[in-house]
Amino acid sequence: MLRDLGVRYIALNPGSSLRGLHDSLVNHLGNEDPQMILCLHEEHAVAIAHGYAKATGQAIAVALHSNVGLMHATMAIYNAWCDRCPVLLVGGTGPVDAAQRRPWIDWIHTAKDQAALVRQFIKWDDQPSSIGAAAQSFARAATLAHAEPPGPVYLCLDVALQEAPAPQPAAPCDLTRYVSYQAPYPPPDAVRTIARALRGAKRPVLLIGRTSRSQEGWDARVRLAEFLSAQVLTDLRVAASFPTTHPLHAMAPMRFMEPATAALLHEADAILALDWVDLGGTLDAAHVDSDRTDVFHCSLDHHVHNGWSMDHQALPRARLHVSSTVDHLVQALLDELSVPEPAEPAASRPAPQTPGNPVEQSAEPESEGITLDRLGDAVIRTTSGRRVCFARLPLGWSARHYRFTGPLDYLGTDGGAGIGSGPGIAIGAALALKDSDRLVVTVVGDGDFMMSSNAWWTAAHYRLPLLVIVNNNRTYFNDVVHQERVARTRKRPLENKWVAQQLTEPDIKLVDIAAAQGALTFGPVREPSQLDAVLEDAIQAALAGNFCVVDVLVPAQWDNNLRNSLAGAQREAGHDD
């Protein structure tokens, strides 16, 4: 069934509740289509599937051993849910028939309703009780996982069902006999209303949020913005959706609301939000008056909102809410506005450049060592001219370092905003793109690296080309900033903000941890003068098919970019201290 569904991989950490499935994958399918991807923790397995989906839009499977494996995986499942990424989760339980259970172990690994552990942040679940029912369940699960808005689904398979003799060889699954959900197109009246408002607007703004990885969709959004002369804002929490080098890309991609961005939105007379994450919060932060400004909201996200998680964000006020995919609405607007086709394909046209776009050396004194700003300069210099997919970039990355010209240039954050997802997501992206001409690069913090440090073995084992750059400040610095704010508010000693925050005494030897799992390692790099040469060597090694880790030591201190990013977060939270 998995092969018939086109599932290429199944990530797993082995467990006895899935021994029947495991045997069939090896001895019936030959460990091909799907190929098993061995992981050292279930959370990593789901994160790998999440990263794969971020790069391709397609689900791979994840096998999760009974209730214990599912509990290990919950944070990664929540990330995929918040990020609206399809993942096909397959669990084992039982035997459900108590008479067949082994003493002790089978009892503690059996649950009456195992899916209840994750039901609030998956799209659908089932526990089929026969082989015939399982075939239909897999088909439904795959369809629902990819239906807009996509997300994780969960199937639980009884051990006894997995190991029972099949009454006859299973017939190939004809997927054309099952319903495939067509994403809705926008109503013609809504398209005409939006087109009329945008055509007449003097200060239109496009808020481009979640989009597909389709090049055609990317080109269509560029055509729409150019026809309307609309200012464009994009969001760092999601993948690249519009060229940041384009003159109409008004500001650096957003992570938090900046004063200039708020002013642009406040003065707009028409705003088209294309599946923008937290539209209500964005409009409130910019003090947009929806009685004065025409706000149009295109999203299908309301179909998965529930009462458990607040990931639906603030409820936005808008003139019109359109239930449609972004690609469908953009194409409908292009047709309604009679936007001419470009004379040549977008891929062959030179990318427009924003003034001041070339990367310059940081103006910071050399004595400061390798700051995050200087690291960004070096990364952009050494990757320039190469086809790179950034799987993750850190908080405080300078605006001039966001140079996205295609839909695979950047994959966004993890959705759930925890720590520990970075390694798995990067490995999943590398798995998805391993046969392409793109090199996956991820810039992770040392906290993210360490929380999932044993995920890296999978990248080495499967010889995935991947470059990991560790922004190693040896501190949970985001929380240092929070403690500093609380200390100022309560008039506490500021020097105490470092207590229980620093990863020192001893320093963690990140390169040793990576090397022990098979990575080619570089560093620790301490001096700015060494940085470009080390990164160039690592890039060459990764392009040759290796998994590489570069440990870059940066100071645990404010720089202008990090200060502005965290100040923006405080402004949104109502804290200006």
Protein backbone atom coordinates (compact mmCIF):
# COMPACT_ATOMS: atom_id res chain seq x y z
CA MET A 1 0.00 0.00 0.00
CA LEU A 2 2.79 2.44 0.86
CA ARG A 3 4.44 1.73 -2.49
CA ASP A 4 1.16 2.16 -4.36
CA LEU A 5 0.73 5.53 -2.65
CA GLY A 6 4.10 6.67 -3.96
CA VAL A 7 5.71 6.91 -0.52
CA ARG A 8 9.47 6.88 -1.13
CA TYR A 9 10.75 6.66 2.45
CA ILE A 10 9.67 5.57 5.91
CA ALA A 11 11.70 7.05 8.77
CA LEU A 12 11.78 4.97 11.93
CA ASN A 13 13.35 3.94 15.17
CA PRO A 14 12.62 0.19 15.34
CA GLY A 15 10.19 -1.28 17.85
CA SER A 16 8.46 -4.60 18.47
CA SER A 17 4.97 -3.24 17.85
CA LEU A 18 5.98 -2.72 14.20
CA ARG A 19 7.95 -5.94 13.68
CA GLY A 20 5.42 -7.32 11.18
CA LEU A 21 5.51 -4.13 9.09
CA HIS A 22 9.32 -4.01 9.35
CA ASP A 23 9.65 -7.58 8.07
CA SER A 24 7.34 -6.87 5.12
CA LEU A 25 9.25 -3.75 4.16
CA VAL A 26 12.51 -5.69 4.14
CA ASN A 27 11.56 -9.11 2.80
CA HIS A 28 8.52 -8.36 0.66
CA LEU A 29 9.45 -4.97 -0.80
CA GLY A 30 13.23 -5.29 -0.57
CA ASN A 31 13.54 -2.06 1.42
CA GLU A 32 12.79 -0.03 -1.70
CA ASP A 33 9.89 2.33 -2.33
CA PRO A 34 9.65 2.89 0.53
CA GLN A 35 13.20 2.73 1.78
CA MET A 36 13.58 2.70 5.56
CA ILE A 37 15.51 5.63 7.04
CA LEU A 38 16.95 4.57 10.37
CA CYS A 39 16.88 7.22 13.12
CA LEU A 40 18.05 7.24 16.72
CA HIS A 41 14.94 8.91 18.14
CA GLU A 42 11.31 9.17 17.06
CA GLU A 43 11.32 12.96 17.29
CA HIS A 44 14.11 13.04 14.72
CA ALA A 45 12.19 10.66 12.45
CA VAL A 46 9.16 12.96 12.35
CA ALA A 47 11.36 16.05 11.94
CA ILE A 48 13.03 14.39 8.93
CA ALA A 49 9.61 13.79 7.38
CA HIS A 50 8.72 17.40 8.18
CA GLY A 51 11.85 18.68 6.42
CA TYR A 52 11.17 16.46 3.42
CA ALA A 53 7.64 17.86 3.16
CA LYS A 54 8.90 21.44 3.47
CA ALA A 55 11.16 20.92 0.44
CA THR A 56 8.76 18.90 -1.72
CA GLY A 57 5.21 19.33 -0.47
CA GLN A 58 4.98 15.53 -0.34
CA ALA A 59 4.56 13.24 2.66
CA ILE A 60 6.84 10.40 3.59
CA ALA A 61 5.92 7.88 6.27
CA VAL A 62 7.15 7.62 9.85
CA ALA A 63 6.88 4.42 11.86
CA LEU A 64 6.33 5.03 15.59
CA HIS A 65 6.61 2.19 18.10
CA SER A 66 3.49 1.86 20.26
CA ASN A 67 2.57 4.54 22.80
CA VAL A 68 6.16 5.20 23.90
CA GLY A 69 7.40 6.05 20.42
CA LEU A 70 4.38 8.25 19.80
CA MET A 71 5.05 10.15 23.03
CA HIS A 72 8.66 10.68 21.98
CA ALA A 73 7.44 12.10 18.67
CA THR A 74 4.81 14.53 19.92
CA MET A 75 6.80 17.78 19.71
CA ALA A 76 7.85 17.07 16.13
CA ILE A 77 4.26 16.20 15.21
CA TYR A 78 3.11 19.50 16.69
CA ASN A 79 5.73 21.33 14.63
CA ALA A 80 4.49 19.73 11.40
CA TRP A 81 0.91 20.55 12.40
CA CYS A 82 1.67 24.24 13.04
CA ASP A 83 3.74 24.39 9.85
CA ARG A 84 0.93 22.78 7.81
CA CYS A 85 3.15 20.02 6.41
CA PRO A 86 1.92 16.55 5.38
CA VAL A 87 3.34 13.56 7.29
CA LEU A 88 2.03 9.97 7.22
CA LEU A 89 2.45 8.58 10.74
CA VAL A 90 2.15 4.80 11.18
CA GLY A 91 2.00 3.42 14.69
CA GLY A 92 1.82 -0.02 16.23
CA THR A 93 0.01 -1.21 19.34
CA GLY A 94 -1.14 -4.34 21.10
CA PRO A 95 -1.91 -7.06 20.56
CA VAL A 96 -5.35 -5.55 21.11
CA ASP A 97 -6.61 -9.04 22.00
CA ALA A 98 -5.42 -9.37 25.60
CA ALA A 99 -5.21 -13.16 25.26
CA GLN A 100 -2.33 -12.74 22.80
CA ARG A 101 -0.24 -10.33 24.88
CA ARG A 102 3.11 -11.26 26.35
CA PRO A 103 3.37 -10.64 30.10
CA TRP A 104 4.18 -7.08 31.18
CA ILE A 105 5.75 -5.52 28.08
CA ASP A 106 2.80 -5.90 25.72
CA TRP A 107 0.46 -4.57 28.39
CA ILE A 108 2.35 -1.34 29.02
CA HIS A 109 2.78 -0.80 25.27
CA THR A 110 -0.94 -1.16 24.48
CA ALA A 111 -3.47 1.66 24.63
CA LYS A 112 -7.20 1.61 23.95
CA ASP A 113 -7.07 4.91 22.07
CA GLN A 114 -3.44 5.56 21.22
CA ALA A 115 -4.25 8.40 18.83
CA ALA A 116 -5.73 10.37 21.72
CA LEU A 117 -2.15 11.38 22.58
CA VAL A 118 -1.95 13.52 19.41
CA ARG A 119 -5.51 13.89 18.12
CA GLN A 120 -5.63 17.62 18.85
CA PHE A 121 -2.78 18.34 16.44
CA ILE A 122 -3.27 15.90 13.58
CA LYS A 123 -5.84 16.01 10.78
CA TRP A 124 -7.19 12.46 11.02
CA ASP A 125 -6.54 9.07 12.62
CA ASP A 126 -7.73 5.49 12.33
CA GLN A 127 -7.07 2.01 13.70
CA PRO A 128 -8.22 -0.45 11.03
CA SER A 129 -9.06 -3.97 12.18
CA SER A 130 -8.57 -5.90 8.92
CA ILE A 131 -6.25 -5.92 5.92
CA GLY A 132 -9.06 -4.72 3.65
CA ALA A 133 -9.89 -1.85 5.99
CA ALA A 134 -6.20 -0.96 6.28
CA ALA A 135 -5.91 -0.45 2.50
CA GLN A 136 -8.77 2.04 2.56
CA SER A 137 -7.38 3.73 5.66
CA PHE A 138 -3.98 4.25 4.05
CA ALA A 139 -5.58 5.73 0.94
CA ARG A 140 -7.72 8.09 3.01
CA ALA A 141 -4.78 9.05 5.22
CA ALA A 142 -2.56 9.95 2.27
CA THR A 143 -5.35 11.95 0.64
CA LEU A 144 -6.17 13.90 3.80
CA ALA A 145 -2.51 14.56 4.62
CA HIS A 146 -2.08 16.36 1.28
CA ALA A 147 -5.51 18.02 1.10
CA GLU A 148 -5.26 21.77 1.69
CA PRO A 149 -4.32 22.76 4.29
CA PRO A 150 -1.97 19.77 4.61
CA GLY A 151 -0.89 18.22 7.88
CA PRO A 152 0.06 15.03 9.75
CA VAL A 153 -2.25 12.01 9.93
CA TYR A 154 -1.92 8.89 12.09
CA LEU A 155 -2.72 5.22 11.48
CA CYS A 156 -2.41 2.71 14.32
CA LEU A 157 -1.87 -0.95 13.39
CA ASP A 158 -2.51 -3.79 15.80
CA VAL A 159 0.52 -6.11 16.11
CA ALA A 160 -1.76 -9.10 15.58
CA LEU A 161 -3.13 -7.61 12.37
CA GLN A 162 0.38 -6.99 11.05
CA GLU A 163 1.41 -10.59 11.72
CA ALA A 164 -1.78 -12.37 10.65
CA PRO A 165 -1.53 -14.41 7.41
CA ALA A 166 -3.03 -12.56 4.48
CA PRO A 167 -6.01 -14.53 3.06
CA GLN A 168 -4.68 -13.90 -0.44
CA PRO A 169 -2.08 -11.69 -2.09
CA ALA A 170 -3.18 -8.10 -1.91
CA ALA A 171 -4.17 -6.59 -5.23
CA PRO A 172 -2.42 -3.38 -6.29
CA CYS A 173 -4.26 -0.34 -5.04
CA ASP A 174 -5.96 1.60 -7.83
CA LEU A 175 -5.91 5.07 -6.34
CA THR A 176 -8.13 6.43 -9.10
CA ARG A 177 -11.01 4.64 -7.39
CA TYR A 178 -10.64 6.77 -4.28
CA VAL A 179 -11.71 10.37 -3.97
CA SER A 180 -8.95 12.95 -4.30
CA TYR A 181 -9.82 16.31 -2.82
CA GLN A 182 -9.53 19.17 -5.28
CA ALA A 183 -8.58 22.40 -3.55
CA PRO A 184 -11.36 24.96 -4.02
CA TYR A 185 -11.11 27.79 -6.51
CA PRO A 186 -12.09 31.30 -5.43
CA PRO A 187 -15.65 32.39 -6.28
CA PRO A 188 -15.74 34.57 -9.42
CA ASP A 189 -17.56 37.38 -7.59
CA ALA A 190 -14.83 37.47 -4.94
CA VAL A 191 -12.12 37.56 -7.62
CA ARG A 192 -13.82 40.50 -9.34
CA THR A 193 -14.20 42.38 -6.05
CA ILE A 194 -10.54 41.92 -5.11
CA ALA A 195 -9.30 42.74 -8.62
CA ARG A 196 -11.35 45.95 -8.73
CA ALA A 197 -10.05 47.07 -5.33
CA LEU A 198 -6.42 46.28 -6.13
CA ARG A 199 -6.60 47.94 -9.55
CA GLY A 200 -7.91 51.14 -8.00
CA ALA A 201 -5.57 51.15 -4.99
CA LYS A 202 -2.83 53.77 -4.80
CA ARG A 203 -0.86 52.02 -2.04
CA PRO A 204 -1.53 48.28 -2.36
CA VAL A 205 0.41 45.78 -0.25
CA LEU A 206 0.71 42.02 -0.69
CA LEU A 207 1.33 39.97 2.47
CA ILE A 208 2.65 36.68 1.10
CA GLY A 209 2.68 33.86 3.65
CA ARG A 210 2.44 30.10 3.17
CA THR A 211 2.85 29.10 -0.47
CA SER A 212 3.76 26.02 -2.49
CA ARG A 213 7.33 25.28 -3.66
CA SER A 214 6.10 25.61 -7.25
CA GLN A 215 8.22 27.78 -9.55
CA GLU A 216 5.08 28.54 -11.58
CA GLY A 217 3.33 29.82 -8.47
CA TRP A 218 6.38 31.93 -7.58
CA ASP A 219 6.46 33.49 -11.07
CA ALA A 220 2.71 34.21 -10.92
CA ARG A 221 3.07 36.12 -7.64
CA VAL A 222 5.86 38.21 -9.15
CA ARG A 223 3.69 39.00 -12.18
CA LEU A 224 0.79 40.07 -9.97
CA ALA A 225 2.94 42.32 -7.80
CA GLU A 226 4.57 43.93 -10.83
CA PHE A 227 1.26 44.55 -12.59
CA LEU A 228 -0.20 46.22 -9.48
CA SER A 229 3.07 47.96 -8.48
CA ALA A 230 2.23 46.53 -5.06
CA GLN A 231 4.67 46.59 -2.17
CA VAL A 232 5.37 43.05 -0.93
CA LEU A 233 6.06 41.76 2.57
CA THR A 234 7.13 38.19 3.33
CA ASP A 235 7.50 36.16 6.52
CA LEU A 236 10.59 34.39 7.85
CA ARG A 237 8.44 31.89 9.76
CA VAL A 238 7.51 30.27 6.44
CA ALA A 239 9.45 29.38 3.31
CA ALA A 240 10.56 31.84 0.65
CA SER A 241 7.56 33.12 -1.32
CA PHE A 242 8.81 36.16 -3.31
CA PRO A 243 12.26 37.36 -4.40
CA THR A 244 13.78 39.45 -1.62
CA THR A 245 16.04 41.08 -4.23
CA HIS A 246 13.05 42.47 -6.12
CA PRO A 247 12.49 46.26 -5.90
CA LEU A 248 8.88 45.65 -4.81
CA HIS A 249 10.00 43.59 -1.80
CA ALA A 250 9.56 46.50 0.54
CA MET A 251 11.33 45.41 3.74
CA ALA A 252 13.45 42.58 5.04
CA PRO A 253 11.40 39.38 5.49
CA MET A 254 9.43 39.72 8.71
CA ARG A 255 10.00 37.85 11.93
CA PHE A 256 8.65 40.59 14.18
CA MET A 257 6.91 43.87 13.42
CA GLU A 258 9.34 46.71 12.74
CA PRO A 259 8.24 50.38 12.87
CA ALA A 260 8.82 50.89 9.13
CA THR A 261 6.76 47.80 8.31
CA ALA A 262 3.95 48.96 10.58
CA ALA A 263 3.96 52.35 8.86
CA LEU A 264 3.75 50.74 5.41
CA LEU A 265 0.76 48.62 6.42
CA HIS A 266 -0.93 51.48 8.27
CA GLU A 267 -0.79 53.70 5.17
CA ALA A 268 -1.89 51.00 2.71
CA ASP A 269 -5.31 51.46 1.09
CA ALA A 270 -5.59 47.79 0.03
CA ILE A 271 -3.96 44.69 1.55
CA LEU A 272 -4.12 41.24 0.01
CA ALA A 273 -3.05 38.61 2.54
CA LEU A 274 -2.10 35.31 0.93
CA ASP A 275 -2.29 32.66 3.68
CA TRP A 276 -0.41 34.99 6.01
CA VAL A 277 0.42 33.50 9.42
CA ASP A 278 -1.28 35.53 12.17
CA LEU A 279 -2.93 38.11 9.96
CA GLY A 280 -5.00 39.41 12.88
CA GLY A 281 -1.93 39.98 15.03
CA THR A 282 -0.07 41.66 12.15
CA LEU A 283 -2.92 44.08 11.41
CA ASP A 284 -3.33 44.89 15.11
CA ALA A 285 0.41 45.51 15.58
CA ALA A 286 0.38 47.91 12.60
CA HIS A 287 -2.84 49.62 13.78
CA VAL A 288 -4.53 48.94 10.43
CA ASP A 289 -8.05 50.35 10.33
CA SER A 290 -10.04 47.79 8.36
CA ASP A 291 -12.86 50.34 7.94
CA ARG A 292 -10.43 52.55 6.01
CA THR A 293 -8.22 49.89 4.37
CA ASP A 294 -9.60 47.14 2.15
CA VAL A 295 -8.21 43.91 3.62
CA PHE A 296 -8.66 40.69 1.66
CA HIS A 297 -7.74 37.39 3.28
CA CYS A 298 -7.07 34.25 1.22
CA SER A 299 -6.64 31.07 3.27
CA LEU A 300 -8.00 27.57 3.86
CA ASP A 301 -6.45 27.42 7.30
CA HIS A 302 -9.80 27.71 9.11
CA HIS A 303 -10.59 24.15 8.07
CA VAL A 304 -8.12 22.78 10.66
CA HIS A 305 -8.70 25.19 13.54
CA ASN A 306 -9.82 23.61 16.79
CA GLY A 307 -10.37 24.55 20.41
CA TRP A 308 -7.26 22.93 21.86
CA SER A 309 -4.38 24.79 20.21
CA MET A 310 -4.24 28.54 19.73
CA ASP A 311 -2.14 28.14 16.56
CA HIS A 312 -5.07 29.71 14.67
CA GLN A 313 -3.83 33.07 16.03
CA ALA A 314 -5.94 36.25 16.36
CA LEU A 315 -9.12 36.49 14.30
CA PRO A 316 -8.51 39.03 11.50
CA ARG A 317 -10.97 41.68 10.38
CA ALA A 318 -11.23 41.79 6.59
CA ARG A 319 -13.57 43.00 3.89
CA LEU A 320 -13.55 39.55 2.33
CA HIS A 321 -12.32 36.11 3.35
CA VAL A 322 -11.65 33.80 0.40
CA SER A 323 -11.48 30.04 0.87
CA SER A 324 -8.93 29.13 -1.79
CA THR A 325 -5.32 28.17 -2.26
CA VAL A 326 -2.88 31.00 -2.87
CA ASP A 327 -1.95 29.68 -6.32
CA HIS A 328 -5.58 29.46 -7.42
CA LEU A 329 -6.44 32.99 -6.28
CA VAL A 330 -3.31 34.54 -7.79
CA GLN A 331 -3.95 32.88 -11.15
CA ALA A 332 -7.62 33.94 -11.06
CA LEU A 333 -6.56 37.55 -10.37
CA LEU A 334 -4.05 37.47 -13.21
CA ASP A 335 -6.82 36.30 -15.54
CA GLU A 336 -9.35 38.85 -14.25
CA LEU A 337 -6.85 41.71 -14.52
CA SER A 338 -5.75 40.50 -17.99
CA VAL A 339 -2.10 40.48 -16.95
CA PRO A 340 -0.05 39.62 -20.03
CA GLU A 341 2.24 36.63 -20.07
CA PRO A 342 5.94 37.52 -19.69
CA ALA A 343 7.97 37.74 -22.88
CA GLU A 344 10.44 35.22 -21.51
CA PRO A 345 10.37 32.68 -18.66
CA ALA A 346 11.14 34.21 -15.29
CA ALA A 347 14.03 31.80 -14.74
CA SER A 348 15.91 33.28 -17.71
CA ARG A 349 15.47 36.92 -16.71
CA PRO A 350 18.09 38.55 -14.48
CA ALA A 351 16.93 38.97 -10.90
CA PRO A 352 16.19 42.62 -10.03
CA GLN A 353 18.52 44.04 -7.41
CA THR A 354 17.62 46.28 -4.53
CA PRO A 355 19.96 49.24 -3.97
CA GLY A 356 22.62 48.36 -1.46
CA ASN A 357 21.97 44.65 -1.95
CA PRO A 358 25.60 43.51 -2.49
CA VAL A 359 27.08 42.05 0.67
CA GLU A 360 29.65 44.30 2.28
CA GLN A 361 32.00 43.60 5.12
CA SER A 362 30.55 44.18 8.56
CA ALA A 363 31.47 47.55 10.01
CA GLU A 364 32.08 46.01 13.42
CA PRO A 365 35.60 46.23 14.84
CA GLU A 366 37.82 43.23 14.07
CA SER A 367 38.52 42.81 17.77
CA GLU A 368 34.96 41.70 18.40
CA GLY A 369 35.69 38.31 16.86
CA ILE A 370 33.10 36.46 14.81
CA THR A 371 29.79 38.14 15.49
CA LEU A 372 26.58 36.78 13.99
CA ASP A 373 26.65 39.66 11.51
CA ARG A 374 30.16 38.75 10.37
CA LEU A 375 29.18 35.09 10.13
CA GLY A 376 26.30 36.06 7.86
CA ASP A 377 28.65 38.05 5.62
CA ALA A 378 30.93 35.04 5.25
CA VAL A 379 28.07 32.60 4.57
CA ILE A 380 26.64 34.78 1.82
CA ARG A 381 30.06 35.39 0.26
CA THR A 382 30.99 31.73 0.14
CA THR A 383 27.60 30.50 -1.10
CA SER A 384 27.21 33.25 -3.70
CA GLY A 385 26.78 31.82 -7.20
CA ARG A 386 25.86 28.38 -5.85
CA ARG A 387 22.39 26.87 -5.72
CA VAL A 388 21.76 26.64 -2.01
CA CYS A 389 18.69 25.77 0.04
CA PHE A 390 18.80 27.30 3.52
CA ALA A 391 16.88 24.93 5.79
CA ARG A 392 17.19 27.22 8.81
CA LEU A 393 18.59 30.67 9.63
CA PRO A 394 18.99 32.09 13.14
CA LEU A 395 17.25 34.88 14.99
CA GLY A 396 19.19 38.09 14.38
CA TRP A 397 20.32 37.23 10.84
CA SER A 398 20.94 40.56 9.08
CA ALA A 399 18.41 41.86 6.56
CA ARG A 400 21.11 42.08 3.90
CA HIS A 401 21.76 38.34 4.23
CA TYR A 402 18.25 37.36 3.06
CA ARG A 403 18.84 36.89 -0.67
CA PHE A 404 16.05 34.58 -1.83
CA THR A 405 15.40 34.37 -5.57
CA GLY A 406 13.50 31.09 -5.80
CA PRO A 407 11.01 28.95 -3.84
CA LEU A 408 13.67 26.53 -2.57
CA ASP A 409 16.14 29.16 -1.37
CA TYR A 410 14.76 29.13 2.19
CA LEU A 411 12.44 26.70 4.01
CA GLY A 412 11.34 28.77 7.02
CA THR A 413 11.16 27.80 10.68
CA ASP A 414 9.59 24.76 12.33
CA GLY A 415 6.06 25.98 13.06
CA GLY A 416 5.92 25.16 16.77
CA ALA A 417 8.81 27.46 17.84
CA GLY A 418 10.52 25.00 20.16
CA ILE A 419 14.15 23.88 20.18
CA GLY A 420 15.57 20.69 18.72
CA SER A 421 13.81 20.58 15.34
CA GLY A 422 16.68 22.06 13.30
CA PRO A 423 18.78 18.91 12.81
CA GLY A 424 15.92 16.66 11.70
CA ILE A 425 14.37 19.23 9.37
CA ALA A 426 17.75 19.88 7.72
CA ILE A 427 18.33 16.13 7.25
CA GLY A 428 14.85 15.74 5.73
CA ALA A 429 15.49 18.58 3.30
CA ALA A 430 18.85 17.04 2.37
CA LEU A 431 17.14 13.69 1.77
CA ALA A 432 14.56 15.36 -0.48
CA LEU A 433 17.15 17.30 -2.51
CA LYS A 434 20.02 14.80 -2.55
CA ASP A 435 19.61 14.09 -6.26
CA SER A 436 19.15 17.74 -7.23
CA ASP A 437 21.66 20.48 -7.98
CA ARG A 438 21.02 22.19 -4.63
CA LEU A 439 23.14 22.01 -1.51
CA VAL A 440 21.19 22.16 1.74
CA VAL A 441 22.77 24.52 4.27
CA THR A 442 21.46 25.08 7.78
CA VAL A 443 22.65 27.61 10.37
CA VAL A 444 21.62 26.34 13.81
CA GLY A 445 22.33 27.41 17.35
CA ASP A 446 24.31 25.25 19.73
CA GLY A 447 21.18 24.66 21.83
CA ASP A 448 19.27 23.33 18.81
CA PHE A 449 22.31 21.26 17.79
CA MET A 450 22.65 19.66 21.22
CA MET A 451 18.98 19.00 21.92
CA SER A 452 18.88 16.69 18.89
CA SER A 453 22.57 15.93 18.64
CA ASN A 454 22.10 12.24 17.85
CA ALA A 455 19.99 13.04 14.79
CA TRP A 456 23.17 13.70 12.81
CA TRP A 457 24.10 10.00 12.57
CA THR A 458 21.29 9.50 10.06
CA ALA A 459 22.76 12.15 7.72
CA ALA A 460 26.18 10.48 7.85
CA HIS A 461 24.80 6.95 7.52
CA TYR A 462 22.85 7.76 4.35
CA ARG A 463 25.67 9.93 2.95
CA LEU A 464 23.49 12.99 2.54
CA PRO A 465 25.17 16.14 1.20
CA LEU A 466 24.52 18.65 3.98
CA LEU A 467 26.37 21.61 5.45
CA VAL A 468 25.62 22.44 9.09
CA ILE A 469 26.99 25.73 10.43
CA VAL A 470 26.70 26.05 14.21
CA ASN A 471 26.18 29.57 15.49
CA ASN A 472 27.78 28.61 18.82
CA ASN A 473 27.36 31.26 21.52
CA ARG A 474 27.44 28.66 24.32
CA THR A 475 24.31 30.22 25.82
CA TYR A 476 20.54 30.10 25.65
CA PHE A 477 20.79 33.75 24.69
CA ASN A 478 17.14 34.30 23.81
CA ASP A 479 16.30 33.48 27.43
CA VAL A 480 19.13 35.67 28.70
CA VAL A 481 17.33 38.56 27.00
CA HIS A 482 14.06 37.60 28.67
CA GLN A 483 15.77 37.47 32.07
CA GLU A 484 17.33 40.87 31.46
CA ARG A 485 13.92 42.36 30.71
CA VAL A 486 12.39 40.83 33.84
CA ALA A 487 15.34 42.01 35.93
CA ARG A 488 14.93 45.58 34.68
CA THR A 489 11.19 45.51 35.33
CA ARG A 490 11.66 44.14 38.87
CA LYS A 491 14.85 46.11 39.54
CA ARG A 492 16.94 42.95 40.06
CA PRO A 493 20.73 42.63 39.51
CA LEU A 494 21.32 42.42 35.75
CA GLU A 495 24.37 40.21 36.19
CA ASN A 496 22.08 37.40 37.39
CA LYS A 497 20.56 37.05 33.92
CA TRP A 498 23.32 34.54 33.07
CA VAL A 499 22.47 32.08 35.86
CA ALA A 500 21.46 28.63 34.48
CA GLN A 501 21.80 29.89 30.90
CA GLN A 502 25.41 29.24 29.86
CA LEU A 503 26.69 26.02 28.27
CA THR A 504 30.21 26.36 29.64
CA GLU A 505 32.51 24.84 32.29
CA PRO A 506 33.07 22.65 30.45
CA ASP A 507 32.49 23.89 26.91
CA ILE A 508 30.73 21.25 24.83
CA LYS A 509 32.95 19.90 22.05
CA LEU A 510 30.39 19.98 19.29
CA VAL A 511 32.81 18.85 16.59
CA ASP A 512 33.66 15.75 18.63
CA ILE A 513 29.95 14.89 18.93
CA ALA A 514 29.49 15.32 15.19
CA ALA A 515 32.68 13.44 14.27
CA ALA A 516 31.68 10.52 16.47
CA GLN A 517 28.59 10.11 14.24
CA GLY A 518 30.51 10.25 10.98
CA ALA A 519 30.49 13.94 10.05
CA LEU A 520 33.40 15.75 8.46
CA THR A 521 34.08 18.51 10.97
CA PHE A 522 35.67 21.94 10.82
CA GLY A 523 36.58 24.20 13.73
CA PRO A 524 35.94 25.47 16.24
CA VAL A 525 36.52 28.67 14.24
CA ARG A 526 37.42 31.62 16.45
CA GLU A 527 38.96 34.25 14.18
CA PRO A 528 37.20 36.22 11.41
CA SER A 529 40.25 35.85 9.19
CA GLN A 530 39.78 32.05 9.16
CA LEU A 531 36.08 32.00 8.44
CA ASP A 532 35.85 32.27 4.64
CA ALA A 533 38.53 29.67 4.01
CA VAL A 534 36.97 27.17 6.43
CA LEU A 535 33.48 27.66 4.97
CA GLU A 536 34.83 27.26 1.44
CA ASP A 537 36.52 23.97 2.39
CA ALA A 538 33.32 22.73 4.03
CA ILE A 539 31.19 23.71 1.04
CA GLN A 540 33.50 21.86 -1.33
CA ALA A 541 33.34 18.77 0.88
CA ALA A 542 29.53 18.93 1.07
CA LEU A 543 29.24 19.38 -2.70
CA ALA A 544 31.33 16.21 -3.01
CA GLY A 545 28.55 14.35 -1.17
CA ASN A 546 29.61 14.62 2.47
CA PHE A 547 27.80 15.59 5.65
CA CYS A 548 29.81 18.46 7.14
CA VAL A 549 29.65 20.41 10.40
CA VAL A 550 31.37 23.76 11.00
CA ASP A 551 31.53 24.98 14.60
CA VAL A 552 31.75 28.80 14.69
CA LEU A 553 32.30 30.44 18.08
CA VAL A 554 30.37 33.71 18.40
CA PRO A 555 30.08 35.91 21.48
CA ALA A 556 26.96 35.74 23.63
CA GLN A 557 26.19 39.42 23.21
CA TRP A 558 23.89 41.82 21.47
CA ASP A 559 24.61 42.91 17.95
CA ASN A 560 22.43 45.35 16.05
CA ASN A 561 20.46 42.68 14.19
CA LEU A 562 19.76 40.57 17.26
CA ARG A 563 18.90 43.67 19.28
CA ASN A 564 16.41 44.79 16.62
CA SER A 565 14.84 41.32 16.31
CA LEU A 566 14.33 40.87 20.03
CA ALA A 567 13.21 44.48 20.46
CA GLY A 568 10.59 43.79 17.81
CA ALA A 569 9.36 40.79 19.79
CA GLN A 570 9.12 42.93 22.91
CA ARG A 571 7.16 45.62 21.07
CA GLU A 572 4.66 43.04 19.84
CA ALA A 573 4.29 41.79 23.41
CA GLY A 574 3.77 45.33 24.66
CA HIS A 575 7.19 45.68 26.34
CA ASP A 576 9.32 48.64 25.35
CA ASP A 577 11.86 48.51 28.19
